[in-house]
C-alpha atoms as a PDB file:
ATOM      1  CA  MET A   1     174.830 118.196 364.941  1.00  0.00           C
ATOM      2  CA  SER A   2     177.839 115.890 365.254  1.00  0.00           C
ATOM      3  CA  TYR A   3     180.095 116.981 368.137  1.00  0.00           C
ATOM      4  CA  PHE A   4     182.192 113.824 368.497  1.00  0.00           C
ATOM      5  CA  THR A   5     183.302 112.064 365.325  1.00  0.00           C
ATOM      6  CA  LYS A   6     186.614 110.416 366.211  1.00  0.00           C
ATOM      7  CA  ARG A   7     186.812 106.744 365.297  1.00  0.00           C
ATOM      8  CA  TYR A   8     188.614 104.231 367.456  1.00  0.00           C
ATOM      9  CA  HIS A   9     189.952 100.730 367.159  1.00  0.00           C
ATOM     10  CA  PRO A  10     188.867  98.254 369.819  1.00  0.00           C
ATOM     11  CA  PRO A  11     191.183  98.396 372.839  1.00  0.00           C
ATOM     12  CA  GLY A  12     194.207  96.142 372.394  1.00  0.00           C
ATOM     13  CA  THR A  13     194.382  96.481 368.604  1.00  0.00           C
ATOM     14  CA  LEU A  14     197.870  96.453 367.127  1.00  0.00           C
ATOM     15  CA  PRO A  15     199.311  99.930 366.353  1.00  0.00           C
ATOM     16  CA  GLY A  16     198.878 100.907 362.723  1.00  0.00           C
ATOM     17  CA  THR A  17     195.885  98.607 362.135  1.00  0.00           C
ATOM     18  CA  LEU A  18     193.533  99.809 359.386  1.00  0.00           C
ATOM     19  CA  ARG A  19     189.959  98.646 359.590  1.00  0.00           C
ATOM     20  CA  PRO A  20     187.567  98.472 356.596  1.00  0.00           C
ATOM     21  CA  ALA A  21     186.531 101.906 355.445  1.00  0.00           C
ATOM     22  CA  ILE A  22     183.115 103.375 356.096  1.00  0.00           C
ATOM     23  CA  ALA A  23     181.676 104.651 352.815  1.00  0.00           C
ATOM     24  CA  GLU A  24     180.890 108.315 353.499  1.00  0.00           C
ATOM     25  CA  ALA A  25     181.871 109.964 350.227  1.00  0.00           C
ATOM     26  CA  PRO A  26     183.054 108.648 346.843  1.00  0.00           C
ATOM     27  CA  LEU A  27     186.829 108.271 346.706  1.00  0.00           C
ATOM     28  CA  VAL A  28     188.559 110.598 344.216  1.00  0.00           C
ATOM     29  CA  PHE A  29     192.295 110.128 343.567  1.00  0.00           C
ATOM     30  CA  THR A  30     194.039 113.073 341.872  1.00  0.00           C
ATOM     31  CA  LEU A  31     197.701 113.268 340.864  1.00  0.00           C
ATOM     32  CA  VAL A  32     199.449 116.509 339.919  1.00  0.00           C
ATOM     33  CA  ASP A  33     203.094 116.679 338.894  1.00  0.00           C
ATOM     34  CA  TYR A  34     204.677 120.036 338.019  1.00  0.00           C
ATOM     35  CA  ASP A  35     207.767 122.128 337.711  1.00  0.00           C
ATOM     36  CA  ALA A  36     208.393 125.665 336.474  1.00  0.00           C
ATOM     37  CA  ALA A  37     207.923 124.685 332.842  1.00  0.00           C
ATOM     38  CA  ASP A  38     205.269 121.962 332.760  1.00  0.00           C
ATOM     39  CA  ILE A  39     202.377 120.494 334.710  1.00  0.00           C
ATOM     40  CA  THR A  40     200.626 117.131 334.438  1.00  0.00           C
ATOM     41  CA  GLU A  41     197.313 116.264 336.089  1.00  0.00           C
ATOM     42  CA  ILE A  42     195.727 112.809 336.220  1.00  0.00           C
ATOM     43  CA  LEU A  43     192.138 112.556 337.430  1.00  0.00           C
ATOM     44  CA  ASP A  44     190.778 109.309 338.857  1.00  0.00           C
ATOM     45  CA  ALA A  45     194.325 108.032 339.199  1.00  0.00           C
ATOM     46  CA  ARG A  46     195.470 104.887 340.953  1.00  0.00           C
ATOM     47  CA  PRO A  47     198.371 104.422 343.380  1.00  0.00           C
ATOM     48  CA  GLU A  48     200.501 102.687 340.730  1.00  0.00           C
ATOM     49  CA  ASP A  49     200.200 105.781 338.506  1.00  0.00           C
ATOM     50  CA  CYS A  50     202.507 107.593 340.945  1.00  0.00           C
ATOM     51  CA  ARG A  51     205.552 105.402 340.258  1.00  0.00           C
ATOM     52  CA  PRO A  52     206.660 107.041 336.952  1.00  0.00           C
ATOM     53  CA  PHE A  53     206.804 110.439 338.682  1.00  0.00           C
ATOM     54  CA  MET A  54     208.776 109.440 341.767  1.00  0.00           C
ATOM     55  CA  ASP A  55     212.218 109.702 340.127  1.00  0.00           C
ATOM     56  CA  ARG A  56     211.560 113.000 338.334  1.00  0.00           C
ATOM     57  CA  ASP A  57     213.092 116.295 339.413  1.00  0.00           C
ATOM     58  CA  SER A  58     209.642 117.829 339.972  1.00  0.00           C
ATOM     59  CA  VAL A  59     206.985 118.193 342.663  1.00  0.00           C
ATOM     60  CA  THR A  60     204.389 115.441 342.862  1.00  0.00           C
ATOM     61  CA  TRP A  61     201.120 116.060 344.673  1.00  0.00           C
ATOM     62  CA  ILE A  62     198.724 113.207 345.368  1.00  0.00           C
ATOM     63  CA  HIS A  63     195.344 114.159 346.786  1.00  0.00           C
ATOM     64  CA  ILE A  64     192.801 111.615 348.033  1.00  0.00           C
ATOM     65  CA  GLN A  65     189.287 113.009 348.480  1.00  0.00           C
ATOM     66  CA  GLY A  66     186.961 110.876 350.574  1.00  0.00           C
ATOM     67  CA  HIS A  67     187.577 108.173 353.157  1.00  0.00           C
ATOM     68  CA  ALA A  68     190.326 105.998 351.717  1.00  0.00           C
ATOM     69  CA  ALA A  69     190.095 102.234 351.947  1.00  0.00           C
ATOM     70  CA  PRO A  70     192.836 100.378 353.885  1.00  0.00           C
ATOM     71  CA  GLU A  71     194.235  98.876 350.684  1.00  0.00           C
ATOM     72  CA  VAL A  72     194.686 102.334 349.142  1.00  0.00           C
ATOM     73  CA  LEU A  73     196.398 103.603 352.280  1.00  0.00           C
ATOM     74  CA  GLY A  74     198.576 100.484 352.316  1.00  0.00           C
ATOM     75  CA  GLU A  75     199.715 100.969 348.727  1.00  0.00           C
ATOM     76  CA  LEU A  76     200.494 104.642 349.245  1.00  0.00           C
ATOM     77  CA  GLY A  77     202.224 103.887 352.529  1.00  0.00           C
ATOM     78  CA  GLU A  78     204.451 101.325 350.893  1.00  0.00           C
ATOM     79  CA  MET A  79     205.204 103.524 347.900  1.00  0.00           C
ATOM     80  CA  PHE A  80     206.044 106.700 349.849  1.00  0.00           C
ATOM     81  CA  ARG A  81     207.134 104.945 353.063  1.00  0.00           C
ATOM     82  CA  LEU A  82     204.414 106.586 355.143  1.00  0.00           C
ATOM     83  CA  HIS A  83     204.569 105.683 358.796  1.00  0.00           C
ATOM     84  CA  PRO A  84     201.894 103.148 359.903  1.00  0.00           C
ATOM     85  CA  LEU A  85     200.899 105.243 362.937  1.00  0.00           C
ATOM     86  CA  ALA A  86     200.358 108.249 360.676  1.00  0.00           C
ATOM     87  CA  LEU A  87     198.227 106.162 358.313  1.00  0.00           C
ATOM     88  CA  GLU A  88     196.173 105.004 361.284  1.00  0.00           C
ATOM     89  CA  ASP A  89     195.506 108.664 362.194  1.00  0.00           C
ATOM     90  CA  VAL A  90     194.496 109.347 358.595  1.00  0.00           C
ATOM     91  CA  HIS A  91     192.091 106.422 358.650  1.00  0.00           C
ATOM     92  CA  ASN A  92     190.580 107.217 362.067  1.00  0.00           C
ATOM     93  CA  THR A  93     189.304 110.715 361.343  1.00  0.00           C
ATOM     94  CA  GLY A  94     188.412 113.234 364.030  1.00  0.00           C
ATOM     95  CA  GLN A  95     191.972 113.519 365.342  1.00  0.00           C
ATOM     96  CA  ARG A  96     193.246 116.592 367.139  1.00  0.00           C
ATOM     97  CA  PRO A  97     195.368 118.826 364.865  1.00  0.00           C
ATOM     98  CA  LYS A  98     199.047 118.040 365.255  1.00  0.00           C
ATOM     99  CA  ALA A  99     202.409 117.847 363.468  1.00  0.00           C
ATOM    100  CA  GLU A 100     204.797 114.895 363.698  1.00  0.00           C
ATOM    101  CA  LEU A 101     208.299 114.405 362.340  1.00  0.00           C
ATOM    102  CA  TYR A 102     209.204 110.920 361.085  1.00  0.00           C
ATOM    103  CA  ASP A 103     212.242 109.774 359.128  1.00  0.00           C
ATOM    104  CA  ASN A 104     212.620 112.248 356.239  1.00  0.00           C
ATOM    105  CA  GLN A 105     208.908 112.985 356.460  1.00  0.00           C
ATOM    106  CA  LEU A 106     206.582 115.563 358.031  1.00  0.00           C
ATOM    107  CA  PHE A 107     203.031 114.528 358.913  1.00  0.00           C
ATOM    108  CA  MET A 108     200.284 117.020 359.739  1.00  0.00           C
ATOM    109  CA  ILE A 109     196.627 116.886 360.713  1.00  0.00           C
ATOM    110  CA  LEU A 110     194.434 119.985 360.409  1.00  0.00           C
ATOM    111  CA  SER A 111     190.775 120.558 361.152  1.00  0.00           C
ATOM    112  CA  ARG A 112     188.825 122.141 358.357  1.00  0.00           C
ATOM    113  CA  PRO A 113     185.622 124.025 359.229  1.00  0.00           C
ATOM    114  CA  ARG A 114     183.012 123.379 356.536  1.00  0.00           C
ATOM    115  CA  GLY A 115     180.490 126.036 357.518  1.00  0.00           C
ATOM    116  CA  ALA A 116     178.570 127.135 360.590  1.00  0.00           C
ATOM    117  CA  GLY A 117     175.191 125.596 361.121  1.00  0.00           C
ATOM    118  CA  ALA A 118     175.894 122.520 358.999  1.00  0.00           C
ATOM    119  CA  GLN A 119     175.056 119.047 360.247  1.00  0.00           C
ATOM    120  CA  ASP A 120     178.751 118.243 360.340  1.00  0.00           C
ATOM    121  CA  VAL A 121     180.693 121.463 360.779  1.00  0.00           C
ATOM    122  CA  GLY A 122     184.215 120.062 360.546  1.00  0.00           C
ATOM    123  CA  GLY A 123     186.451 117.709 358.621  1.00  0.00           C
ATOM    124  CA  GLN A 124     189.989 116.381 358.855  1.00  0.00           C
ATOM    125  CA  VAL A 125     192.802 117.220 356.452  1.00  0.00           C
ATOM    126  CA  SER A 126     195.914 115.046 356.624  1.00  0.00           C
ATOM    127  CA  LEU A 127     199.167 116.066 354.925  1.00  0.00           C
ATOM    128  CA  PHE A 128     202.460 114.254 354.288  1.00  0.00           C
ATOM    129  CA  LEU A 129     205.530 116.155 353.150  1.00  0.00           C
ATOM    130  CA  GLY A 130     208.505 114.283 351.767  1.00  0.00           C
ATOM    131  CA  GLN A 131     211.417 115.005 349.475  1.00  0.00           C
ATOM    132  CA  GLY A 132     209.731 116.267 346.314  1.00  0.00           C
ATOM    133  CA  TYR A 133     206.181 115.140 347.101  1.00  0.00           C
ATOM    134  CA  VAL A 134     203.060 115.999 349.096  1.00  0.00           C
ATOM    135  CA  VAL A 135     200.289 113.505 349.873  1.00  0.00           C
ATOM    136  CA  SER A 136     197.019 115.004 351.126  1.00  0.00           C
ATOM    137  CA  PHE A 137     193.821 113.428 352.417  1.00  0.00           C
ATOM    138  CA  ASN A 138     190.450 115.045 352.999  1.00  0.00           C
ATOM    139  CA  ASP A 139     187.528 113.023 354.318  1.00  0.00           C
ATOM    140  CA  GLY A 140     184.760 115.446 353.339  1.00  0.00           C
ATOM    141  CA  PRO A 141     182.400 115.342 350.358  1.00  0.00           C
ATOM    142  CA  ASP A 142     183.857 118.429 348.656  1.00  0.00           C
ATOM    143  CA  ASP A 143     187.427 119.086 347.549  1.00  0.00           C
ATOM    144  CA  PRO A 144     188.844 122.168 349.316  1.00  0.00           C
ATOM    145  CA  PHE A 145     192.020 122.323 347.228  1.00  0.00           C
ATOM    146  CA  GLU A 146     190.547 123.150 343.834  1.00  0.00           C
ATOM    147  CA  PRO A 147     191.809 126.793 344.092  1.00  0.00           C
ATOM    148  CA  ILE A 148     195.370 125.479 344.558  1.00  0.00           C
ATOM    149  CA  ARG A 149     195.119 123.360 341.414  1.00  0.00           C
ATOM    150  CA  ALA A 150     193.764 126.375 339.543  1.00  0.00           C
ATOM    151  CA  ARG A 151     196.791 128.413 340.652  1.00  0.00           C
ATOM    152  CA  LEU A 152     199.121 125.634 339.499  1.00  0.00           C
ATOM    153  CA  HIS A 153     197.544 125.507 336.039  1.00  0.00           C
ATOM    154  CA  ALA A 154     197.526 129.286 335.744  1.00  0.00           C
ATOM    155  CA  ASN A 155     201.147 129.444 336.966  1.00  0.00           C
ATOM    156  CA  GLN A 156     200.263 132.234 339.376  1.00  0.00           C
ATOM    157  CA  GLY A 157     202.641 133.366 342.072  1.00  0.00           C
ATOM    158  CA  ARG A 158     205.669 131.395 343.241  1.00  0.00           C
ATOM    159  CA  ILE A 159     204.096 127.987 343.641  1.00  0.00           C
ATOM    160  CA  ARG A 160     205.390 126.484 340.361  1.00  0.00           C
ATOM    161  CA  ARG A 161     208.916 127.779 340.999  1.00  0.00           C
ATOM    162  CA  ARG A 162     209.192 126.522 344.568  1.00  0.00           C
ATOM    163  CA  GLY A 163     209.513 123.070 346.085  1.00  0.00           C
ATOM    164  CA  ALA A 164     207.093 120.708 347.775  1.00  0.00           C
ATOM    165  CA  ASP A 165     207.360 122.585 351.083  1.00  0.00           C
ATOM    166  CA  TYR A 166     205.823 125.677 349.463  1.00  0.00           C
ATOM    167  CA  LEU A 167     202.955 123.524 348.175  1.00  0.00           C
ATOM    168  CA  LEU A 168     202.456 122.285 351.730  1.00  0.00           C
ATOM    169  CA  TYR A 169     202.374 125.891 352.951  1.00  0.00           C
ATOM    170  CA  SER A 170     199.736 126.729 350.328  1.00  0.00           C
ATOM    171  CA  LEU A 171     197.513 123.867 351.493  1.00  0.00           C
ATOM    172  CA  VAL A 172     197.943 124.795 355.168  1.00  0.00           C
ATOM    173  CA  ASP A 173     197.224 128.446 354.415  1.00  0.00           C
ATOM    174  CA  LEU A 174     194.004 127.542 352.594  1.00  0.00           C
ATOM    175  CA  VAL A 175     192.746 125.310 355.425  1.00  0.00           C
ATOM    176  CA  ILE A 176     193.463 127.915 358.109  1.00  0.00           C
ATOM    177  CA  ASP A 177     191.961 130.792 356.104  1.00  0.00           C
ATOM    178  CA  GLU A 178     188.729 128.833 355.646  1.00  0.00           C
ATOM    179  CA  GLY A 179     187.994 129.816 359.229  1.00  0.00           C
ATOM    180  CA  PHE A 180     187.460 133.472 358.241  1.00  0.00           C
ATOM    181  CA  PRO A 181     184.275 133.036 356.130  1.00  0.00           C
ATOM    182  CA  VAL A 182     182.869 130.715 358.807  1.00  0.00           C
ATOM    183  CA  LEU A 183     183.480 133.372 361.449  1.00  0.00           C
ATOM    184  CA  GLU A 184     181.971 136.008 359.157  1.00  0.00           C
ATOM    185  CA  THR A 185     178.770 133.961 358.941  1.00  0.00           C
ATOM    186  CA  LEU A 186     178.748 133.533 362.708  1.00  0.00           C
ATOM    187  CA  GLY A 187     179.251 137.278 363.133  1.00  0.00           C
ATOM    188  CA  LEU A 188     176.159 138.017 361.047  1.00  0.00           C
ATOM    189  CA  ARG A 189     174.154 135.539 363.126  1.00  0.00           C
ATOM    190  CA  ILE A 190     175.374 137.206 366.321  1.00  0.00           C
ATOM    191  CA  GLU A 191     174.272 140.635 365.044  1.00  0.00           C
ATOM    192  CA  GLU A 192     170.804 139.319 364.210  1.00  0.00           C
ATOM    193  CA  LEU A 193     170.494 137.643 367.598  1.00  0.00           C
ATOM    194  CA  GLU A 194     171.589 140.836 369.380  1.00  0.00           C
ATOM    195  CA  GLU A 195     168.792 142.802 367.712  1.00  0.00           C
ATOM    196  CA  GLU A 196     166.278 140.067 368.502  1.00  0.00           C
ATOM    197  CA  VAL A 197     167.358 139.848 372.137  1.00  0.00           C
ATOM    198  CA  LEU A 198     167.009 143.605 372.604  1.00  0.00           C
ATOM    199  CA  GLU A 199     163.698 143.991 370.754  1.00  0.00           C
ATOM    200  CA  THR A 200     161.565 140.820 370.730  1.00  0.00           C
ATOM    201  CA  PRO A 201     163.208 137.965 372.667  1.00  0.00           C
ATOM    202  CA  THR A 202     161.309 134.658 372.715  1.00  0.00           C
ATOM    203  CA  ARG A 203     161.938 131.107 373.881  1.00  0.00           C
ATOM    204  CA  GLU A 204     163.207 130.303 370.362  1.00  0.00           C
ATOM    205  CA  THR A 205     165.806 133.060 370.806  1.00  0.00           C
ATOM    206  CA  LEU A 206     167.230 131.280 373.825  1.00  0.00           C
ATOM    207  CA  GLY A 207     167.495 128.055 371.804  1.00  0.00           C
ATOM    208  CA  ARG A 208     169.368 129.826 369.013  1.00  0.00           C
ATOM    209  CA  ILE A 209     171.775 131.398 371.509  1.00  0.00           C
ATOM    210  CA  GLN A 210     172.542 128.001 373.018  1.00  0.00           C
ATOM    211  CA  ALA A 211     173.046 126.457 369.564  1.00  0.00           C
ATOM    212  CA  LEU A 212     175.439 129.276 368.667  1.00  0.00           C
ATOM    213  CA  LYS A 213     177.407 128.729 371.870  1.00  0.00           C
ATOM    214  CA  ARG A 214     177.774 125.036 371.047  1.00  0.00           C
ATOM    215  CA  GLU A 215     178.982 125.811 367.514  1.00  0.00           C
ATOM    216  CA  LEU A 216     181.539 128.299 368.832  1.00  0.00           C
ATOM    217  CA  LEU A 217     182.759 125.760 371.364  1.00  0.00           C
ATOM    218  CA  LEU A 218     183.162 123.113 368.672  1.00  0.00           C
ATOM    219  CA  LEU A 219     184.908 125.539 366.322  1.00  0.00           C
ATOM    220  CA  ARG A 220     187.279 126.561 369.100  1.00  0.00           C
ATOM    221  CA  ARG A 221     188.155 122.930 369.742  1.00  0.00           C
ATOM    222  CA  MET A 222     188.904 122.510 366.023  1.00  0.00           C
ATOM    223  CA  VAL A 223     191.027 125.580 365.313  1.00  0.00           C
ATOM    224  CA  TRP A 224     192.776 126.218 368.639  1.00  0.00           C
ATOM    225  CA  PRO A 225     195.543 123.591 368.051  1.00  0.00           C
ATOM    226  CA  HIS A 226     196.372 125.098 364.633  1.00  0.00           C
ATOM    227  CA  ARG A 227     198.499 127.696 366.378  1.00  0.00           C
ATOM    228  CA  GLU A 228     200.607 125.010 368.032  1.00  0.00           C
ATOM    229  CA  VAL A 229     200.923 123.063 364.769  1.00  0.00           C
ATOM    230  CA  VAL A 230     202.146 126.014 362.701  1.00  0.00           C
ATOM    231  CA  ASN A 231     204.410 127.213 365.500  1.00  0.00           C
ATOM    232  CA  MET A 232     206.011 123.771 365.638  1.00  0.00           C
ATOM    233  CA  MET A 233     206.627 123.860 361.876  1.00  0.00           C
ATOM    234  CA  VAL A 234     208.236 127.304 362.112  1.00  0.00           C
ATOM    235  CA  ARG A 235     210.507 126.525 365.066  1.00  0.00           C
ATOM    236  CA  GLU A 236     211.282 122.826 364.597  1.00  0.00           C
ATOM    237  CA  ASP A 237     214.537 121.916 362.865  1.00  0.00           C
ATOM    238  CA  CYS A 238     213.028 120.207 359.813  1.00  0.00           C
ATOM    239  CA  THR A 239     215.263 119.891 356.758  1.00  0.00           C
ATOM    240  CA  LEU A 240     212.203 119.489 354.512  1.00  0.00           C
ATOM    241  CA  LEU A 241     211.195 123.119 355.112  1.00  0.00           C
ATOM    242  CA  GLU A 242     213.308 125.813 353.509  1.00  0.00           C
ATOM    243  CA  GLU A 243     213.951 129.022 355.395  1.00  0.00           C
ATOM    244  CA  GLY A 244     212.096 131.007 352.750  1.00  0.00           C
ATOM    245  CA  THR A 245     208.991 128.900 353.317  1.00  0.00           C
ATOM    246  CA  ARG A 246     209.100 129.408 357.085  1.00  0.00           C
ATOM    247  CA  VAL A 247     208.490 133.118 356.491  1.00  0.00           C
ATOM    248  CA  TYR A 248     205.180 132.290 354.843  1.00  0.00           C
ATOM    249  CA  LEU A 249     204.328 129.814 357.591  1.00  0.00           C
ATOM    250  CA  ARG A 250     204.718 132.638 360.105  1.00  0.00           C
ATOM    251  CA  ASP A 251     201.946 134.406 358.190  1.00  0.00           C
ATOM    252  CA  CYS A 252     199.771 131.304 358.723  1.00  0.00           C
ATOM    253  CA  TYR A 253     200.577 131.564 362.412  1.00  0.00           C
ATOM    254  CA  ASP A 254     199.369 135.183 362.425  1.00  0.00           C
ATOM    255  CA  HIS A 255     196.131 134.140 360.710  1.00  0.00           C
ATOM    256  CA  SER A 256     195.529 131.422 363.289  1.00  0.00           C
ATOM    257  CA  ILE A 257     195.976 134.009 366.052  1.00  0.00           C
ATOM    258  CA  GLN A 258     193.506 136.354 364.337  1.00  0.00           C
ATOM    259  CA  ILE A 259     190.941 133.559 364.054  1.00  0.00           C
ATOM    260  CA  MET A 260     191.323 132.728 367.732  1.00  0.00           C
ATOM    261  CA  ASP A 261     190.942 136.385 368.719  1.00  0.00           C
ATOM    262  CA  LEU A 262     187.736 136.666 366.683  1.00  0.00           C
ATOM    263  CA  LEU A 263     186.464 133.396 368.082  1.00  0.00           C
ATOM    264  CA  GLU A 264     187.071 134.456 371.675  1.00  0.00           C
ATOM    265  CA  SER A 265     185.350 137.790 371.002  1.00  0.00           C
ATOM    266  CA  TYR A 266     182.330 136.000 369.568  1.00  0.00           C
ATOM    267  CA  ARG A 267     182.181 133.683 372.575  1.00  0.00           C
ATOM    268  CA  ASP A 268     182.188 136.682 374.915  1.00  0.00           C
ATOM    269  CA  MET A 269     179.473 138.374 372.856  1.00  0.00           C
ATOM    270  CA  THR A 270     177.337 135.230 372.915  1.00  0.00           C
ATOM    271  CA  ALA A 271     177.724 134.901 376.687  1.00  0.00           C
ATOM    272  CA  SER A 272     176.728 138.572 377.025  1.00  0.00           C
ATOM    273  CA  MET A 273     173.662 137.938 374.866  1.00  0.00           C
ATOM    274  CA  LEU A 274     172.587 135.162 377.201  1.00  0.00           C
ATOM    275  CA  ASP A 275     172.905 137.536 380.165  1.00  0.00           C
ATOM    276  CA  ILE A 276     170.952 140.192 378.271  1.00  0.00           C
ATOM    277  CA  TYR A 277     168.226 137.670 377.443  1.00  0.00           C
ATOM    278  CA  LEU A 278     167.885 136.616 381.083  1.00  0.00           C
ATOM    279  CA  SER A 279     167.859 140.255 382.203  1.00  0.00           C
ATOM    280  CA  SER A 280     165.271 141.115 379.563  1.00  0.00           C
ATOM    281  CA  ALA A 281     163.063 138.205 380.601  1.00  0.00           C
ATOM    282  CA  SER A 282     163.355 139.278 384.252  1.00  0.00           C
ATOM    283  CA  PHE A 283     162.560 142.889 383.319  1.00  0.00           C
ATOM    284  CA  ARG A 284     159.466 141.848 381.363  1.00  0.00           C
ATOM    285  CA  LEU A 285     158.291 139.755 384.305  1.00  0.00           C
ATOM    286  CA  ASN A 286     158.860 142.648 386.708  1.00  0.00           C
ATOM    287  CA  ASP A 287     157.014 144.985 384.352  1.00  0.00           C
ATOM    288  CA  VAL A 288     154.007 142.665 384.204  1.00  0.00           C
ATOM    289  CA  MET A 289     154.019 142.199 387.961  1.00  0.00           C
ATOM    290  CA  ARG A 290     154.192 145.964 388.488  1.00  0.00           C
ATOM    291  CA  VAL A 291     151.137 146.549 386.303  1.00  0.00           C
ATOM    292  CA  LEU A 292     149.181 143.780 388.023  1.00  0.00           C
ATOM    293  CA  THR A 293     150.191 145.083 391.456  1.00  0.00           C
ATOM    294  CA  ILE A 294     149.036 148.599 390.595  1.00  0.00           C
ATOM    295  CA  ILE A 295     145.710 147.314 389.289  1.00  0.00           C
ATOM    296  CA  ALA A 296     145.206 145.274 392.474  1.00  0.00           C
ATOM    297  CA  THR A 297     146.182 148.284 394.623  1.00  0.00           C
ATOM    298  CA  LEU A 298     143.655 150.500 392.856  1.00  0.00           C
ATOM    299  CA  PHE A 299     140.867 148.043 393.556  1.00  0.00           C
ATOM    300  CA  ILE A 300     141.700 147.406 397.236  1.00  0.00           C
ATOM    301  CA  PRO A 301     139.928 150.547 398.615  1.00  0.00           C
ATOM    302  CA  LEU A 302     137.090 150.116 396.107  1.00  0.00           C
ATOM    303  CA  THR A 303     136.599 146.545 397.258  1.00  0.00           C
ATOM    304  CA  PHE A 304     136.564 147.734 400.884  1.00  0.00           C
ATOM    305  CA  ILE A 305     133.851 150.316 400.135  1.00  0.00           C
ATOM    306  CA  VAL A 306     131.548 147.978 398.250  1.00  0.00           C
ATOM    307  CA  GLY A 307     132.159 145.361 400.946  1.00  0.00           C
ATOM    308  CA  VAL A 308     131.034 147.732 403.682  1.00  0.00           C
ATOM    309  CA  TYR A 309     127.919 148.857 401.862  1.00  0.00           C
ATOM    310  CA  GLY A 310     127.149 145.342 400.758  1.00  0.00           C
ATOM    311  CA  MET A 311     126.220 144.320 404.316  1.00  0.00           C
ATOM    312  CA  ASN A 312     122.448 143.763 404.627  1.00  0.00           C
ATOM    313  CA  PHE A 313     121.608 145.505 407.942  1.00  0.00           C
ATOM    314  CA  ASP A 314     118.273 147.224 408.488  1.00  0.00           C
ATOM    315  CA  ARG A 315     118.770 150.981 408.448  1.00  0.00           C
ATOM    316  CA  ASN A 316     115.928 151.474 410.980  1.00  0.00           C
ATOM    317  CA  ALA A 317     117.202 148.864 413.460  1.00  0.00           C
ATOM    318  CA  GLY A 318     118.933 151.328 415.761  1.00  0.00           C
ATOM    319  CA  PRO A 319     121.203 154.357 416.096  1.00  0.00           C
ATOM    320  CA  TRP A 320     124.223 152.394 414.827  1.00  0.00           C
ATOM    321  CA  SER A 321     122.561 151.280 411.593  1.00  0.00           C
ATOM    322  CA  MET A 322     123.555 152.573 408.124  1.00  0.00           C
ATOM    323  CA  PRO A 323     121.732 155.794 407.358  1.00  0.00           C
ATOM    324  CA  GLU A 324     123.338 155.954 403.871  1.00  0.00           C
ATOM    325  CA  LEU A 325     121.123 153.100 402.762  1.00  0.00           C
ATOM    326  CA  GLY A 326     118.185 155.470 402.834  1.00  0.00           C
ATOM    327  CA  TRP A 327     119.767 158.448 401.108  1.00  0.00           C
ATOM    328  CA  PRO A 328     118.212 159.311 397.718  1.00  0.00           C
ATOM    329  CA  TYR A 329     121.648 159.866 396.121  1.00  0.00           C
ATOM    330  CA  GLY A 330     123.620 157.350 398.193  1.00  0.00           C
ATOM    331  CA  TYR A 331     124.371 155.036 395.256  1.00  0.00           C
ATOM    332  CA  LEU A 332     125.652 157.944 393.152  1.00  0.00           C
ATOM    333  CA  LEU A 333     127.761 159.316 396.004  1.00  0.00           C
ATOM    334  CA  VAL A 334     129.450 155.924 396.497  1.00  0.00           C
ATOM    335  CA  TRP A 335     130.356 155.793 392.800  1.00  0.00           C
ATOM    336  CA  VAL A 336     131.763 159.326 392.959  1.00  0.00           C
ATOM    337  CA  LEU A 337     133.812 158.383 396.035  1.00  0.00           C
ATOM    338  CA  MET A 338     135.237 155.259 394.411  1.00  0.00           C
ATOM    339  CA  ILE A 339     136.131 157.067 391.179  1.00  0.00           C
ATOM    340  CA  ALA A 340     137.782 159.873 393.139  1.00  0.00           C
ATOM    341  CA  ILE A 341     139.858 157.450 395.200  1.00  0.00           C
ATOM    342  CA  ALA A 342     140.935 155.465 392.122  1.00  0.00           C
ATOM    343  CA  GLY A 343     141.767 158.654 390.200  1.00  0.00           C
ATOM    344  CA  GLY A 344     143.730 160.118 393.085  1.00  0.00           C
ATOM    345  CA  MET A 345     145.784 156.928 393.455  1.00  0.00           C
ATOM    346  CA  PHE A 346     146.422 156.819 389.713  1.00  0.00           C
ATOM    347  CA  VAL A 347     147.723 160.412 389.705  1.00  0.00           C
ATOM    348  CA  TYR A 348     149.883 159.654 392.737  1.00  0.00           C
ATOM    349  CA  PHE A 349     151.419 156.590 391.051  1.00  0.00           C
ATOM    350  CA  ARG A 350     152.165 158.575 387.889  1.00  0.00           C
ATOM    351  CA  ARG A 351     153.968 161.278 389.865  1.00  0.00           C
ATOM    352  CA  LYS A 352     156.070 158.663 391.617  1.00  0.00           C
ATOM    353  CA  GLY A 353     157.032 157.152 388.250  1.00  0.00           C
ATOM    354  CA  TRP A 354     155.467 153.808 388.970  1.00  0.00           C
ATOM    355  CA  LEU A 355     153.394 153.932 385.784  1.00  0.00           C
END
């Protein structure tokens, strides 16, 4: 699993430098322009296709899916006056979620969980909000914003009647809420592990518990800063965000708090499972040792008896010789004695609750 994916420039590189892209997923450029009456969508668009829509009294949304090449970022940066430092953060994925205010522009980075147990469980979503436009980047192989485009085409809710800031809220809300199904999957895994730990724990169980702890730690590192990001958007004096949109952003803040509460609960449950596993392993070891100790204790007096009567002394050598060696029923009497001793000890152990 990939736990550290942030890319860096070599030390001393000029700020805002964009290195050649690493081909991880095919680049898909989508342009959507809409207002309350009409909507236009261009698939496989190019940066120059955005120019005719820049002067319209509508909302323009440009979404880049995949790791964008430096020339694409450069063209978009020049067209929409995106800050070079922000473009550098877009290019070097794996950044910590944050929100930055530039001149007449809001820049955001969010971490998007892609699913627990995946080889790469997180991706970066970068968002630019300007006057009448939103530019979004997602470096993963799948497009998370298809439901938003479906809502735009269906003209559902307020999204077509509101400005670009409401579109930004919709994208942020979708990214944050993607944490809930991931946590639901983790919750089911925790329930299964709890049953396994209590009933039939094995060495593989310990490995799965440790893997789950690592996934929860990584997920916490991804989603914890979301609370700060949304809180900054709600409280910061940003003219690009209308007061009506801030109300909806407060709902995103509540969702981020809920996700963190669930995540902390799952971490506590996983830590408890590890303690239960160690206690269960210790109990099984003690149980085995108790049984072996009882078996050894039962055989101690029997071993003493057979050891005494196993000595080869002549029974007619003197008055201190063993007369039992000449008894007709001596062998049978020794067996009866040993069985009686073992049975008496067994009954005594049962009454004490040791068996």
